[in-house]
PDB file of N, CA and C in Angstrom:
ATOM      1  N   MET A   1     -20.465 -23.020  30.087  1.00  0.00           N
ATOM      2  CA  MET A   1     -19.041 -23.040  29.774  1.00  0.00           C
ATOM      3  C   MET A   1     -18.718 -21.932  28.783  1.00  0.00           C
ATOM      4  N   ASN A   2     -17.759 -21.082  29.117  1.00  0.00           N
ATOM      5  CA  ASN A   2     -17.322 -20.027  28.210  1.00  0.00           C
ATOM      6  C   ASN A   2     -16.374 -20.602  27.172  1.00  0.00           C
ATOM      7  N   MET A   3     -16.439 -20.041  25.977  1.00  0.00           N
ATOM      8  CA  MET A   3     -15.479 -20.425  24.961  1.00  0.00           C
ATOM      9  C   MET A   3     -14.823 -19.162  24.421  1.00  0.00           C
ATOM     10  N   SER A   4     -13.641 -19.296  23.899  1.00  0.00           N
ATOM     11  CA  SER A   4     -12.911 -18.148  23.374  1.00  0.00           C
ATOM     12  C   SER A   4     -13.694 -17.463  22.269  1.00  0.00           C
ATOM     13  N   VAL A   5     -13.487 -16.165  22.188  1.00  0.00           N
ATOM     14  CA  VAL A   5     -13.968 -15.401  21.050  1.00  0.00           C
ATOM     15  C   VAL A   5     -12.773 -14.664  20.463  1.00  0.00           C
ATOM     16  N   TYR A   6     -12.902 -14.332  19.197  1.00  0.00           N
ATOM     17  CA  TYR A   6     -11.816 -13.705  18.460  1.00  0.00           C
ATOM     18  C   TYR A   6     -12.310 -12.401  17.850  1.00  0.00           C
ATOM     19  N   ALA A   7     -11.435 -11.425  17.800  1.00  0.00           N
ATOM     20  CA  ALA A   7     -11.702 -10.204  17.049  1.00  0.00           C
ATOM     21  C   ALA A   7     -10.770 -10.242  15.844  1.00  0.00           C
ATOM     22  N   ILE A   8     -11.357 -10.090  14.667  1.00  0.00           N
ATOM     23  CA  ILE A   8     -10.583 -10.037  13.430  1.00  0.00           C
ATOM     24  C   ILE A   8     -10.758  -8.645  12.855  1.00  0.00           C
ATOM     25  N   ALA A   9      -9.644  -7.962  12.619  1.00  0.00           N
ATOM     26  CA  ALA A   9      -9.685  -6.603  12.077  1.00  0.00           C
ATOM     27  C   ALA A   9      -8.939  -6.558  10.747  1.00  0.00           C
ATOM     28  N   LEU A  10      -9.604  -6.017   9.733  1.00  0.00           N
ATOM     29  CA  LEU A  10      -8.985  -5.748   8.435  1.00  0.00           C
ATOM     30  C   LEU A  10      -8.842  -4.233   8.356  1.00  0.00           C
ATOM     31  N   ILE A  11      -7.611  -3.760   8.331  1.00  0.00           N
ATOM     32  CA  ILE A  11      -7.340  -2.331   8.489  1.00  0.00           C
ATOM     33  C   ILE A  11      -6.679  -1.774   7.231  1.00  0.00           C
ATOM     34  N   ARG A  12      -7.171  -0.602   6.809  1.00  0.00           N
ATOM     35  CA  ARG A  12      -6.595   0.135   5.692  1.00  0.00           C
ATOM     36  C   ARG A  12      -6.061   1.454   6.237  1.00  0.00           C
ATOM     37  N   ILE A  13      -4.744   1.608   6.249  1.00  0.00           N
ATOM     38  CA  ILE A  13      -4.088   2.762   6.867  1.00  0.00           C
ATOM     39  C   ILE A  13      -3.917   3.874   5.835  1.00  0.00           C
ATOM     40  N   GLN A  14      -4.445   5.058   6.159  1.00  0.00           N
ATOM     41  CA  GLN A  14      -4.292   6.214   5.277  1.00  0.00           C
ATOM     42  C   GLN A  14      -3.234   7.197   5.790  1.00  0.00           C
ATOM     43  N   ASP A  15      -3.041   7.276   7.098  1.00  0.00           N
ATOM     44  CA  ASP A  15      -2.098   8.218   7.707  1.00  0.00           C
ATOM     45  C   ASP A  15      -1.191   7.442   8.653  1.00  0.00           C
ATOM     46  N   ARG A  16      -0.031   7.052   8.149  1.00  0.00           N
ATOM     47  CA  ARG A  16       0.887   6.187   8.895  1.00  0.00           C
ATOM     48  C   ARG A  16       1.357   6.860  10.188  1.00  0.00           C
ATOM     49  N   ALA A  17       1.635   8.153  10.180  1.00  0.00           N
ATOM     50  CA  ALA A  17       2.122   8.844  11.383  1.00  0.00           C
ATOM     51  C   ALA A  17       1.068   8.814  12.489  1.00  0.00           C
ATOM     52  N   LYS A  18      -0.157   9.123  12.158  1.00  0.00           N
ATOM     53  CA  LYS A  18      -1.229   9.121  13.160  1.00  0.00           C
ATOM     54  C   LYS A  18      -1.510   7.690  13.640  1.00  0.00           C
ATOM     55  N   TYR A  19      -1.453   6.729  12.717  1.00  0.00           N
ATOM     56  CA  TYR A  19      -1.663   5.334  13.103  1.00  0.00           C
ATOM     57  C   TYR A  19      -0.556   4.876  14.056  1.00  0.00           C
ATOM     58  N   SER A  20       0.653   5.357  13.845  1.00  0.00           N
ATOM     59  CA  SER A  20       1.767   5.002  14.733  1.00  0.00           C
ATOM     60  C   SER A  20       1.524   5.485  16.156  1.00  0.00           C
ATOM     61  N   ALA A  21       0.840   6.612  16.319  1.00  0.00           N
ATOM     62  CA  ALA A  21       0.491   7.093  17.659  1.00  0.00           C
ATOM     63  C   ALA A  21      -0.420   6.078  18.352  1.00  0.00           C
ATOM     64  N   TYR A  22      -1.351   5.512  17.607  1.00  0.00           N
ATOM     65  CA  TYR A  22      -2.232   4.460  18.132  1.00  0.00           C
ATOM     66  C   TYR A  22      -1.421   3.216  18.503  1.00  0.00           C
ATOM     67  N   GLU A  23      -0.546   2.791  17.599  1.00  0.00           N
ATOM     68  CA  GLU A  23       0.263   1.589  17.842  1.00  0.00           C
ATOM     69  C   GLU A  23       1.131   1.726  19.093  1.00  0.00           C
ATOM     70  N   ARG A  24       1.713   2.896  19.291  1.00  0.00           N
ATOM     71  CA  ARG A  24       2.606   3.099  20.440  1.00  0.00           C
ATOM     72  C   ARG A  24       1.901   2.860  21.770  1.00  0.00           C
ATOM     73  N   ARG A  25       0.611   3.121  21.852  1.00  0.00           N
ATOM     74  CA  ARG A  25      -0.126   2.989  23.113  1.00  0.00           C
ATOM     75  C   ARG A  25      -0.976   1.721  23.183  1.00  0.00           C
ATOM     76  N   PHE A  26      -1.119   1.020  22.055  1.00  0.00           N
ATOM     77  CA  PHE A  26      -2.026  -0.119  22.013  1.00  0.00           C
ATOM     78  C   PHE A  26      -1.696  -1.187  23.063  1.00  0.00           C
ATOM     79  N   MET A  27      -0.477  -1.694  23.073  1.00  0.00           N
ATOM     80  CA  MET A  27      -0.148  -2.811  23.968  1.00  0.00           C
ATOM     81  C   MET A  27      -0.242  -2.411  25.433  1.00  0.00           C
ATOM     82  N   GLU A  28       0.102  -1.177  25.746  1.00  0.00           N
ATOM     83  CA  GLU A  28      -0.021  -0.684  27.121  1.00  0.00           C
ATOM     84  C   GLU A  28      -1.474  -0.798  27.597  1.00  0.00           C
ATOM     85  N   VAL A  29      -2.407  -0.419  26.753  1.00  0.00           N
ATOM     86  CA  VAL A  29      -3.831  -0.498  27.093  1.00  0.00           C
ATOM     87  C   VAL A  29      -4.306  -1.950  27.036  1.00  0.00           C
ATOM     88  N   PHE A  30      -3.964  -2.649  25.968  1.00  0.00           N
ATOM     89  CA  PHE A  30      -4.435  -4.018  25.766  1.00  0.00           C
ATOM     90  C   PHE A  30      -4.000  -4.937  26.902  1.00  0.00           C
ATOM     91  N   ALA A  31      -2.802  -4.751  27.431  1.00  0.00           N
ATOM     92  CA  ALA A  31      -2.253  -5.608  28.481  1.00  0.00           C
ATOM     93  C   ALA A  31      -3.084  -5.580  29.762  1.00  0.00           C
ATOM     94  N   ARG A  32      -3.922  -4.575  29.940  1.00  0.00           N
ATOM     95  CA  ARG A  32      -4.753  -4.473  31.146  1.00  0.00           C
ATOM     96  C   ARG A  32      -5.957  -5.420  31.107  1.00  0.00           C
ATOM     97  N   PHE A  33      -6.187  -6.023  29.974  1.00  0.00           N
ATOM     98  CA  PHE A  33      -7.383  -6.848  29.785  1.00  0.00           C
ATOM     99  C   PHE A  33      -6.963  -8.298  29.570  1.00  0.00           C
ATOM    100  N   GLU A  34      -7.906  -9.178  29.364  1.00  0.00           N
ATOM    101  CA  GLU A  34      -7.628 -10.615  29.317  1.00  0.00           C
ATOM    102  C   GLU A  34      -7.339 -11.135  27.914  1.00  0.00           C
ATOM    103  N   GLY A  35      -7.020 -10.265  26.989  1.00  0.00           N
ATOM    104  CA  GLY A  35      -6.838 -10.671  25.607  1.00  0.00           C
ATOM    105  C   GLY A  35      -5.428 -11.103  25.280  1.00  0.00           C
ATOM    106  N   GLU A  36      -5.314 -11.688  24.107  1.00  0.00           N
ATOM    107  CA  GLU A  36      -4.026 -12.126  23.580  1.00  0.00           C
ATOM    108  C   GLU A  36      -3.976 -11.755  22.101  1.00  0.00           C
ATOM    109  N   VAL A  37      -2.874 -11.132  21.690  1.00  0.00           N
ATOM    110  CA  VAL A  37      -2.672 -10.832  20.277  1.00  0.00           C
ATOM    111  C   VAL A  37      -2.111 -12.094  19.634  1.00  0.00           C
ATOM    112  N   LEU A  38      -2.873 -12.675  18.715  1.00  0.00           N
ATOM    113  CA  LEU A  38      -2.436 -13.913  18.062  1.00  0.00           C
ATOM    114  C   LEU A  38      -1.683 -13.654  16.773  1.00  0.00           C
ATOM    115  N   ALA A  39      -2.071 -12.608  16.045  1.00  0.00           N
ATOM    116  CA  ALA A  39      -1.417 -12.341  14.765  1.00  0.00           C
ATOM    117  C   ALA A  39      -1.600 -10.888  14.361  1.00  0.00           C
ATOM    118  N   VAL A  40      -0.562 -10.335  13.748  1.00  0.00           N
ATOM    119  CA  VAL A  40      -0.613  -9.044  13.074  1.00  0.00           C
ATOM    120  C   VAL A  40       0.182  -9.232  11.801  1.00  0.00           C
ATOM    121  N   ASP A  41      -0.469  -9.027  10.662  1.00  0.00           N
ATOM    122  CA  ASP A  41       0.188  -9.286   9.381  1.00  0.00           C
ATOM    123  C   ASP A  41      -0.135  -8.157   8.411  1.00  0.00           C
ATOM    124  N   ASP A  42       0.909  -7.531   7.874  1.00  0.00           N
ATOM    125  CA  ASP A  42       0.716  -6.448   6.903  1.00  0.00           C
ATOM    126  C   ASP A  42       0.665  -6.949   5.466  1.00  0.00           C
ATOM    127  N   ALA A  43       0.836  -8.241   5.275  1.00  0.00           N
ATOM    128  CA  ALA A  43       0.795  -8.793   3.919  1.00  0.00           C
ATOM    129  C   ALA A  43       0.209 -10.206   3.931  1.00  0.00           C
ATOM    130  N   PRO A  44      -1.059 -10.352   4.341  1.00  0.00           N
ATOM    131  CA  PRO A  44      -1.641 -11.695   4.344  1.00  0.00           C
ATOM    132  C   PRO A  44      -1.722 -12.255   2.924  1.00  0.00           C
ATOM    133  N   ARG A  45      -1.541 -13.544   2.803  1.00  0.00           N
ATOM    134  CA  ARG A  45      -1.621 -14.210   1.511  1.00  0.00           C
ATOM    135  C   ARG A  45      -3.039 -14.748   1.345  1.00  0.00           C
ATOM    136  N   VAL A  46      -3.740 -14.210   0.398  1.00  0.00           N
ATOM    137  CA  VAL A  46      -5.156 -14.525   0.210  1.00  0.00           C
ATOM    138  C   VAL A  46      -5.303 -15.824  -0.575  1.00  0.00           C
ATOM    139  N   LEU A  47      -6.068 -16.760  -0.036  1.00  0.00           N
ATOM    140  CA  LEU A  47      -6.330 -18.013  -0.727  1.00  0.00           C
ATOM    141  C   LEU A  47      -7.505 -17.904  -1.681  1.00  0.00           C
ATOM    142  N   GLU A  48      -8.532 -17.151  -1.282  1.00  0.00           N
ATOM    143  CA  GLU A  48      -9.722 -16.990  -2.120  1.00  0.00           C
ATOM    144  C   GLU A  48     -10.316 -15.610  -1.905  1.00  0.00           C
ATOM    145  N   GLY A  49     -10.922 -15.073  -2.949  1.00  0.00           N
ATOM    146  CA  GLY A  49     -11.685 -13.838  -2.837  1.00  0.00           C
ATOM    147  C   GLY A  49     -10.840 -12.603  -2.613  1.00  0.00           C
ATOM    148  N   ASP A  50     -11.493 -11.562  -2.128  1.00  0.00           N
ATOM    149  CA  ASP A  50     -10.847 -10.283  -1.869  1.00  0.00           C
ATOM    150  C   ASP A  50     -10.556 -10.154  -0.383  1.00  0.00           C
ATOM    151  N   TRP A  51      -9.487  -9.489  -0.050  1.00  0.00           N
ATOM    152  CA  TRP A  51      -9.131  -9.211   1.340  1.00  0.00           C
ATOM    153  C   TRP A  51      -8.894  -7.716   1.419  1.00  0.00           C
ATOM    154  N   PRO A  52      -9.872  -6.956   1.903  1.00  0.00           N
ATOM    155  CA  PRO A  52      -9.835  -5.508   1.772  1.00  0.00           C
ATOM    156  C   PRO A  52      -8.894  -4.777   2.725  1.00  0.00           C
ATOM    157  N   GLY A  53      -8.136  -5.476   3.541  1.00  0.00           N
ATOM    158  CA  GLY A  53      -7.249  -4.799   4.481  1.00  0.00           C
ATOM    159  C   GLY A  53      -5.801  -4.895   4.079  1.00  0.00           C
ATOM    160  N   GLU A  54      -5.026  -3.901   4.485  1.00  0.00           N
ATOM    161  CA  GLU A  54      -3.571  -3.973   4.350  1.00  0.00           C
ATOM    162  C   GLU A  54      -3.008  -4.712   5.553  1.00  0.00           C
ATOM    163  N   ARG A  55      -3.579  -4.428   6.716  1.00  0.00           N
ATOM    164  CA  ARG A  55      -3.137  -5.046   7.963  1.00  0.00           C
ATOM    165  C   ARG A  55      -4.275  -5.914   8.487  1.00  0.00           C
ATOM    166  N   THR A  56      -3.934  -7.118   8.887  1.00  0.00           N
ATOM    167  CA  THR A  56      -4.908  -8.014   9.498  1.00  0.00           C
ATOM    168  C   THR A  56      -4.454  -8.283  10.927  1.00  0.00           C
ATOM    169  N   VAL A  57      -5.386  -8.154  11.863  1.00  0.00           N
ATOM    170  CA  VAL A  57      -5.082  -8.368  13.277  1.00  0.00           C
ATOM    171  C   VAL A  57      -6.058  -9.417  13.816  1.00  0.00           C
ATOM    172  N   LEU A  58      -5.537 -10.374  14.560  1.00  0.00           N
ATOM    173  CA  LEU A  58      -6.347 -11.416  15.178  1.00  0.00           C
ATOM    174  C   LEU A  58      -6.089 -11.405  16.685  1.00  0.00           C
ATOM    175  N   LEU A  59      -7.160 -11.181  17.456  1.00  0.00           N
ATOM    176  CA  LEU A  59      -7.080 -11.132  18.913  1.00  0.00           C
ATOM    177  C   LEU A  59      -7.954 -12.237  19.496  1.00  0.00           C
ATOM    178  N   ARG A  60      -7.542 -12.788  20.650  1.00  0.00           N
ATOM    179  CA  ARG A  60      -8.354 -13.804  21.327  1.00  0.00           C
ATOM    180  C   ARG A  60      -8.658 -13.340  22.743  1.00  0.00           C
ATOM    181  N   PHE A  61      -9.894 -13.607  23.169  1.00  0.00           N
ATOM    182  CA  PHE A  61     -10.340 -13.306  24.527  1.00  0.00           C
ATOM    183  C   PHE A  61     -11.030 -14.549  25.083  1.00  0.00           C
ATOM    184  N   PRO A  62     -11.083 -14.683  26.409  1.00  0.00           N
ATOM    185  CA  PRO A  62     -11.730 -15.866  26.980  1.00  0.00           C
ATOM    186  C   PRO A  62     -13.224 -15.932  26.693  1.00  0.00           C
ATOM    187  N   ASP A  63     -13.852 -14.771  26.508  1.00  0.00           N
ATOM    188  CA  ASP A  63     -15.282 -14.734  26.185  1.00  0.00           C
ATOM    189  C   ASP A  63     -15.620 -13.344  25.655  1.00  0.00           C
ATOM    190  N   GLU A  64     -16.846 -13.197  25.165  1.00  0.00           N
ATOM    191  CA  GLU A  64     -17.231 -11.911  24.578  1.00  0.00           C
ATOM    192  C   GLU A  64     -17.278 -10.795  25.608  1.00  0.00           C
ATOM    193  N   ALA A  65     -17.629 -11.122  26.847  1.00  0.00           N
ATOM    194  CA  ALA A  65     -17.662 -10.092  27.894  1.00  0.00           C
ATOM    195  C   ALA A  65     -16.276  -9.484  28.097  1.00  0.00           C
ATOM    196  N   ALA A  66     -15.233 -10.306  28.067  1.00  0.00           N
ATOM    197  CA  ALA A  66     -13.863  -9.802  28.222  1.00  0.00           C
ATOM    198  C   ALA A  66     -13.478  -8.928  27.038  1.00  0.00           C
ATOM    199  N   LEU A  67     -13.834  -9.363  25.846  1.00  0.00           N
ATOM    200  CA  LEU A  67     -13.558  -8.564  24.652  1.00  0.00           C
ATOM    201  C   LEU A  67     -14.234  -7.206  24.765  1.00  0.00           C
ATOM    202  N   ARG A  68     -15.497  -7.181  25.177  1.00  0.00           N
ATOM    203  CA  ARG A  68     -16.244  -5.923  25.278  1.00  0.00           C
ATOM    204  C   ARG A  68     -15.679  -5.026  26.381  1.00  0.00           C
ATOM    205  N   ARG A  69     -15.183  -5.624  27.474  1.00  0.00           N
ATOM    206  CA  ARG A  69     -14.563  -4.808  28.528  1.00  0.00           C
ATOM    207  C   ARG A  69     -13.375  -4.033  27.965  1.00  0.00           C
ATOM    208  N   TRP A  70     -12.577  -4.689  27.104  1.00  0.00           N
ATOM    209  CA  TRP A  70     -11.455  -4.004  26.462  1.00  0.00           C
ATOM    210  C   TRP A  70     -11.959  -2.971  25.464  1.00  0.00           C
ATOM    211  N   TYR A  71     -12.754  -3.406  24.500  1.00  0.00           N
ATOM    212  CA  TYR A  71     -13.164  -2.538  23.395  1.00  0.00           C
ATOM    213  C   TYR A  71     -13.958  -1.324  23.869  1.00  0.00           C
ATOM    214  N   ASP A  72     -14.793  -1.498  24.884  1.00  0.00           N
ATOM    215  CA  ASP A  72     -15.631  -0.410  25.385  1.00  0.00           C
ATOM    216  C   ASP A  72     -14.990   0.379  26.520  1.00  0.00           C
ATOM    217  N   SER A  73     -13.775   0.012  26.910  1.00  0.00           N
ATOM    218  CA  SER A  73     -13.120   0.680  28.040  1.00  0.00           C
ATOM    219  C   SER A  73     -12.780   2.131  27.702  1.00  0.00           C
ATOM    220  N   GLU A  74     -12.745   2.940  28.724  1.00  0.00           N
ATOM    221  CA  GLU A  74     -12.356   4.350  28.563  1.00  0.00           C
ATOM    222  C   GLU A  74     -10.930   4.458  28.026  1.00  0.00           C
ATOM    223  N   ALA A  75     -10.036   3.580  28.514  1.00  0.00           N
ATOM    224  CA  ALA A  75      -8.642   3.603  28.067  1.00  0.00           C
ATOM    225  C   ALA A  75      -8.533   3.325  26.571  1.00  0.00           C
ATOM    226  N   TYR A  76      -9.275   2.346  26.069  1.00  0.00           N
ATOM    227  CA  TYR A  76      -9.220   2.054  24.633  1.00  0.00           C
ATOM    228  C   TYR A  76      -9.933   3.140  23.832  1.00  0.00           C
ATOM    229  N   ARG A  77     -11.041   3.625  24.326  1.00  0.00           N
ATOM    230  CA  ARG A  77     -11.779   4.696  23.626  1.00  0.00           C
ATOM    231  C   ARG A  77     -10.874   5.906  23.431  1.00  0.00           C
ATOM    232  N   GLU A  78      -9.975   6.153  24.383  1.00  0.00           N
ATOM    233  CA  GLU A  78      -9.064   7.292  24.288  1.00  0.00           C
ATOM    234  C   GLU A  78      -8.075   7.130  23.128  1.00  0.00           C
ATOM    235  N   ILE A  79      -7.497   5.942  22.983  1.00  0.00           N
ATOM    236  CA  ILE A  79      -6.490   5.764  21.933  1.00  0.00           C
ATOM    237  C   ILE A  79      -7.085   5.414  20.577  1.00  0.00           C
ATOM    238  N   VAL A  80      -8.281   4.831  20.550  1.00  0.00           N
ATOM    239  CA  VAL A  80      -8.859   4.394  19.276  1.00  0.00           C
ATOM    240  C   VAL A  80      -9.174   5.585  18.369  1.00  0.00           C
ATOM    241  N   ARG A  81      -9.297   6.765  18.954  1.00  0.00           N
ATOM    242  CA  ARG A  81      -9.534   7.968  18.129  1.00  0.00           C
ATOM    243  C   ARG A  81      -8.421   8.145  17.087  1.00  0.00           C
ATOM    244  N   ASP A  82      -7.174   7.874  17.496  1.00  0.00           N
ATOM    245  CA  ASP A  82      -6.054   7.998  16.552  1.00  0.00           C
ATOM    246  C   ASP A  82      -6.205   7.010  15.396  1.00  0.00           C
ATOM    247  N   ARG A  83      -6.616   5.773  15.708  1.00  0.00           N
ATOM    248  CA  ARG A  83      -6.808   4.793  14.629  1.00  0.00           C
ATOM    249  C   ARG A  83      -7.924   5.224  13.707  1.00  0.00           C
ATOM    250  N   MET A  84      -8.999   5.726  14.278  1.00  0.00           N
ATOM    251  CA  MET A  84     -10.165   6.068  13.470  1.00  0.00           C
ATOM    252  C   MET A  84      -9.909   7.234  12.507  1.00  0.00           C
ATOM    253  N   VAL A  85      -9.027   8.163  12.862  1.00  0.00           N
ATOM    254  CA  VAL A  85      -8.705   9.245  11.928  1.00  0.00           C
ATOM    255  C   VAL A  85      -7.605   8.848  10.958  1.00  0.00           C
ATOM    256  N   ALA A  86      -6.841   7.804  11.297  1.00  0.00           N
ATOM    257  CA  ALA A  86      -5.712   7.394  10.472  1.00  0.00           C
ATOM    258  C   ALA A  86      -6.004   6.221   9.549  1.00  0.00           C
ATOM    259  N   ALA A  87      -7.091   5.490   9.829  1.00  0.00           N
ATOM    260  CA  ALA A  87      -7.335   4.262   9.081  1.00  0.00           C
ATOM    261  C   ALA A  87      -8.826   3.943   9.089  1.00  0.00           C
ATOM    262  N   SER A  88      -9.224   3.120   8.131  1.00  0.00           N
ATOM    263  CA  SER A  88     -10.569   2.560   8.163  1.00  0.00           C
ATOM    264  C   SER A  88     -10.418   1.073   8.472  1.00  0.00           C
ATOM    265  N   ALA A  89     -11.437   0.513   9.100  1.00  0.00           N
ATOM    266  CA  ALA A  89     -11.315  -0.873   9.536  1.00  0.00           C
ATOM    267  C   ALA A  89     -12.652  -1.585   9.438  1.00  0.00           C
ATOM    268  N   ASP A  90     -12.579  -2.867   9.151  1.00  0.00           N
ATOM    269  CA  ASP A  90     -13.706  -3.785   9.270  1.00  0.00           C
ATOM    270  C   ASP A  90     -13.317  -4.726  10.403  1.00  0.00           C
ATOM    271  N   ILE A  91     -14.153  -4.790  11.445  1.00  0.00           N
ATOM    272  CA  ILE A  91     -13.831  -5.587  12.626  1.00  0.00           C
ATOM    273  C   ILE A  91     -15.024  -6.473  12.953  1.00  0.00           C
ATOM    274  N   ALA A  92     -14.746  -7.742  13.198  1.00  0.00           N
ATOM    275  CA  ALA A  92     -15.813  -8.686  13.522  1.00  0.00           C
ATOM    276  C   ALA A  92     -15.421  -9.504  14.742  1.00  0.00           C
ATOM    277  N   ILE A  93     -16.445  -9.928  15.495  1.00  0.00           N
ATOM    278  CA  ILE A  93     -16.264 -10.871  16.593  1.00  0.00           C
ATOM    279  C   ILE A  93     -16.656 -12.245  16.063  1.00  0.00           C
ATOM    280  N   VAL A  94     -15.774 -13.222  16.269  1.00  0.00           N
ATOM    281  CA  VAL A  94     -16.006 -14.584  15.800  1.00  0.00           C
ATOM    282  C   VAL A  94     -15.934 -15.514  17.007  1.00  0.00           C
ATOM    283  N   SER A  95     -16.932 -16.343  17.176  1.00  0.00           N
ATOM    284  CA  SER A  95     -16.963 -17.284  18.298  1.00  0.00           C
ATOM    285  C   SER A  95     -16.098 -18.492  18.006  1.00  0.00           C
ATOM    286  N   GLY A  96     -15.372 -18.946  19.020  1.00  0.00           N
ATOM    287  CA  GLY A  96     -14.571 -20.152  18.899  1.00  0.00           C
ATOM    288  C   GLY A  96     -15.455 -21.389  19.018  1.00  0.00           C
ATOM    289  N   LEU A  97     -14.901 -22.512  18.676  1.00  0.00           N
ATOM    290  CA  LEU A  97     -15.630 -23.775  18.794  1.00  0.00           C
ATOM    291  C   LEU A  97     -15.481 -24.327  20.201  1.00  0.00           C
ATOM    292  N   GLY A  98     -16.558 -24.808  20.759  1.00  0.00           N
ATOM    293  CA  GLY A  98     -16.492 -25.517  22.036  1.00  0.00           C
ATOM    294  C   GLY A  98     -15.956 -26.915  21.802  1.00  0.00           C
ATOM    295  N   ALA A  99     -15.578 -27.600  22.862  1.00  0.00           N
ATOM    296  CA  ALA A  99     -15.023 -28.958  22.731  1.00  0.00           C
ATOM    297  C   ALA A  99     -15.986 -29.885  22.011  1.00  0.00           C
ATOM    298  N   ARG A 100     -17.279 -29.777  22.290  1.00  0.00           N
ATOM    299  CA  ARG A 100     -18.279 -30.643  21.639  1.00  0.00           C
ATOM    300  C   ARG A 100     -18.294 -30.380  20.127  1.00  0.00           C
ATOM    301  N   ASP A 101     -18.199 -29.128  19.722  1.00  0.00           N
ATOM    302  CA  ASP A 101     -18.205 -28.789  18.300  1.00  0.00           C
ATOM    303  C   ASP A 101     -16.955 -29.315  17.591  1.00  0.00           C
ATOM    304  N   ARG A 102     -15.810 -29.269  18.267  1.00  0.00           N
ATOM    305  CA  ARG A 102     -14.561 -29.734  17.656  1.00  0.00           C
ATOM    306  C   ARG A 102     -14.568 -31.236  17.414  1.00  0.00           C
ATOM    307  N   ASP A 103     -15.314 -31.960  18.224  1.00  0.00           N
ATOM    308  CA  ASP A 103     -15.339 -33.425  18.115  1.00  0.00           C
ATOM    309  C   ASP A 103     -16.269 -33.944  17.022  1.00  0.00           C
ATOM    310  N   ARG A 104     -17.032 -33.096  16.404  1.00  0.00           N
ATOM    311  CA  ARG A 104     -17.975 -33.537  15.366  1.00  0.00           C
ATOM    312  C   ARG A 104     -17.280 -33.897  14.095  1.00  0.00           C
TER     313      ARG A 104
END
């Protein structure tokens, strides 16, 4: 049984104009894959510790294979160059809980 996986990105934008070029094409590319944008927040409210990003992005995919198809795709590789020169990011894949885990 597949369970959802999430990509969490903490992004620090240094060049807003170049980052905007990435943003303009992001949804066009992302829509070709099985993902869902759950949240984009430029001012997350931190409950504990440090939060090193200005922008936080949360994406959901049906499984890790779907996430990797998007992230490793030629279409995304083409536009991600703009993000990489305009911002630094910490990105992690987080596994969702299966039904059995939620019932514990």
